[in-house]
Protein backbone atom coordinates (compact mmCIF):
# COMPACT_ATOMS: atom_id res chain seq x y z
CA UNK A 1 126.17 77.76 -93.69
CA UNK A 2 129.08 77.28 -91.25
CA UNK A 3 132.63 77.93 -92.44
CA UNK A 4 134.87 74.84 -92.29
CA UNK A 5 137.64 74.93 -89.70
CA UNK A 6 140.33 74.21 -92.35
CA UNK A 7 139.52 77.37 -94.33
CA UNK A 8 139.76 79.46 -91.14
CA UNK A 9 143.24 78.03 -90.50
CA UNK A 10 144.30 78.91 -94.06
CA UNK A 11 143.08 82.48 -93.63
CA UNK A 12 144.86 82.83 -90.29
CA UNK A 13 148.09 81.45 -91.78
CA UNK A 14 147.86 83.88 -94.71
CA UNK A 15 147.24 86.77 -92.32
CA UNK A 16 150.42 85.87 -90.42
CA UNK A 17 152.59 85.41 -93.53
CA UNK A 18 151.48 88.57 -95.32
CA UNK A 19 153.40 91.00 -93.04
CA UNK A 20 156.53 88.86 -93.34
CA UNK A 21 156.28 88.91 -97.12
CA UNK A 22 155.81 92.68 -97.11
CA UNK A 23 158.88 93.11 -94.91
CA UNK A 24 160.99 90.91 -97.18
CA UNK A 25 159.93 92.84 -100.28
CA UNK A 26 160.54 96.20 -98.62
CA UNK A 27 164.15 95.26 -97.84
CA UNK A 28 164.80 94.64 -101.53
CA UNK A 29 166.40 91.62 -103.09
CA UNK A 30 170.09 90.93 -102.73
CA UNK A 31 171.84 90.53 -106.04
CA UNK A 32 174.51 87.94 -106.56
CA UNK A 33 177.25 88.10 -109.11
CA UNK A 34 180.74 86.98 -109.90
CA UNK A 35 183.94 88.28 -111.40
CA UNK A 36 186.51 86.03 -113.07
CA UNK A 37 190.09 86.82 -114.06
CA UNK A 38 193.20 84.95 -115.23
CA UNK A 39 196.91 85.50 -114.74
CA UNK A 40 200.14 83.87 -115.86
CA UNK A 41 202.05 85.24 -112.86
CA UNK A 42 200.47 83.60 -109.83
CA UNK A 43 197.22 82.79 -108.08
CA UNK A 44 197.31 85.97 -105.97
CA UNK A 45 197.48 88.13 -109.09
CA UNK A 46 194.48 86.35 -110.61
CA UNK A 47 192.52 86.80 -107.38
CA UNK A 48 193.41 90.50 -107.19
CA UNK A 49 192.30 91.05 -110.80
CA UNK A 50 189.00 89.28 -110.10
CA UNK A 51 188.45 91.47 -107.01
CA UNK A 52 188.78 94.56 -109.22
CA UNK A 53 185.55 93.50 -110.96
CA UNK A 54 183.52 93.47 -107.74
CA UNK A 55 181.22 96.52 -107.41
CA UNK A 56 181.98 99.00 -104.62
CA UNK A 57 180.01 98.18 -101.47
CA UNK A 58 179.45 94.53 -102.44
CA UNK A 59 180.18 91.72 -99.99
CA UNK A 60 182.48 88.94 -101.20
CA UNK A 61 180.89 85.62 -100.29
CA UNK A 62 183.30 83.11 -101.82
CA UNK A 63 186.50 82.85 -103.85
CA UNK A 64 187.42 79.92 -106.07
CA UNK A 65 190.81 79.57 -107.78
CA UNK A 66 191.98 77.01 -110.31
CA UNK A 67 195.52 76.22 -111.44
CA UNK A 68 195.50 75.37 -115.15
CA UNK A 69 198.52 73.30 -116.20
CA UNK A 70 199.81 74.28 -119.63
CA UNK A 71 202.53 72.63 -121.70
CA UNK A 72 206.07 73.84 -121.21
CA UNK A 73 205.56 74.63 -117.50
CA UNK A 74 203.55 77.77 -118.36
CA UNK A 75 200.77 77.49 -115.80
CA UNK A 76 197.76 79.81 -115.80
CA UNK A 77 195.68 80.76 -112.80
CA UNK A 78 191.96 81.51 -112.91
CA UNK A 79 190.05 82.93 -109.94
CA UNK A 80 186.35 83.65 -109.59
CA UNK A 81 185.09 85.92 -106.83
CA UNK A 82 181.40 85.62 -105.90
CA UNK A 83 179.66 88.59 -104.30
CA UNK A 84 176.28 89.96 -103.21
CA UNK A 85 174.98 93.48 -103.43
CA UNK A 86 171.95 95.01 -101.76
CA UNK A 87 170.08 97.93 -103.30
CA UNK A 88 170.69 101.33 -101.77
CA UNK A 89 168.04 102.61 -99.38
CA UNK A 90 165.79 105.23 -100.92
CA UNK A 91 166.55 108.83 -100.03
CA UNK A 92 164.19 110.40 -97.54
CA UNK A 93 161.84 113.11 -98.71
CA UNK A 94 161.01 114.25 -102.20
CA UNK A 95 159.60 112.36 -105.11
CA UNK A 96 161.62 109.37 -106.31
CA UNK A 97 163.37 110.20 -109.55
CA UNK A 98 162.66 113.93 -109.27
CA UNK A 99 165.49 116.41 -109.75
CA UNK A 100 166.45 118.47 -106.70
CA UNK A 101 164.97 121.94 -106.48
CA UNK A 102 167.25 124.75 -107.59
CA UNK A 103 168.05 127.47 -105.11
CA UNK A 104 168.72 131.03 -106.21
């Protein structure tokens, strides 16, 4: 029984996409997060406090600040910093999760 042409095209497409999927999974997913802080001093202080919540090595992708009007001319400032992190590359050699060998 001959194989229909459409099923051959599906198999060829899957064979082309499989290596791309493997490459994407090997790189590891990027993680997104955010850090929010408020200040009564000024917008710059709120932004600086929000930046303190960003993990080391993360890339800041966006910053959003909001001026909140309060009664009595006591404004508040709220800033949110959005960031992405990528997982660290695995160390070369050895078994993952194994403790290093002790030397005498």
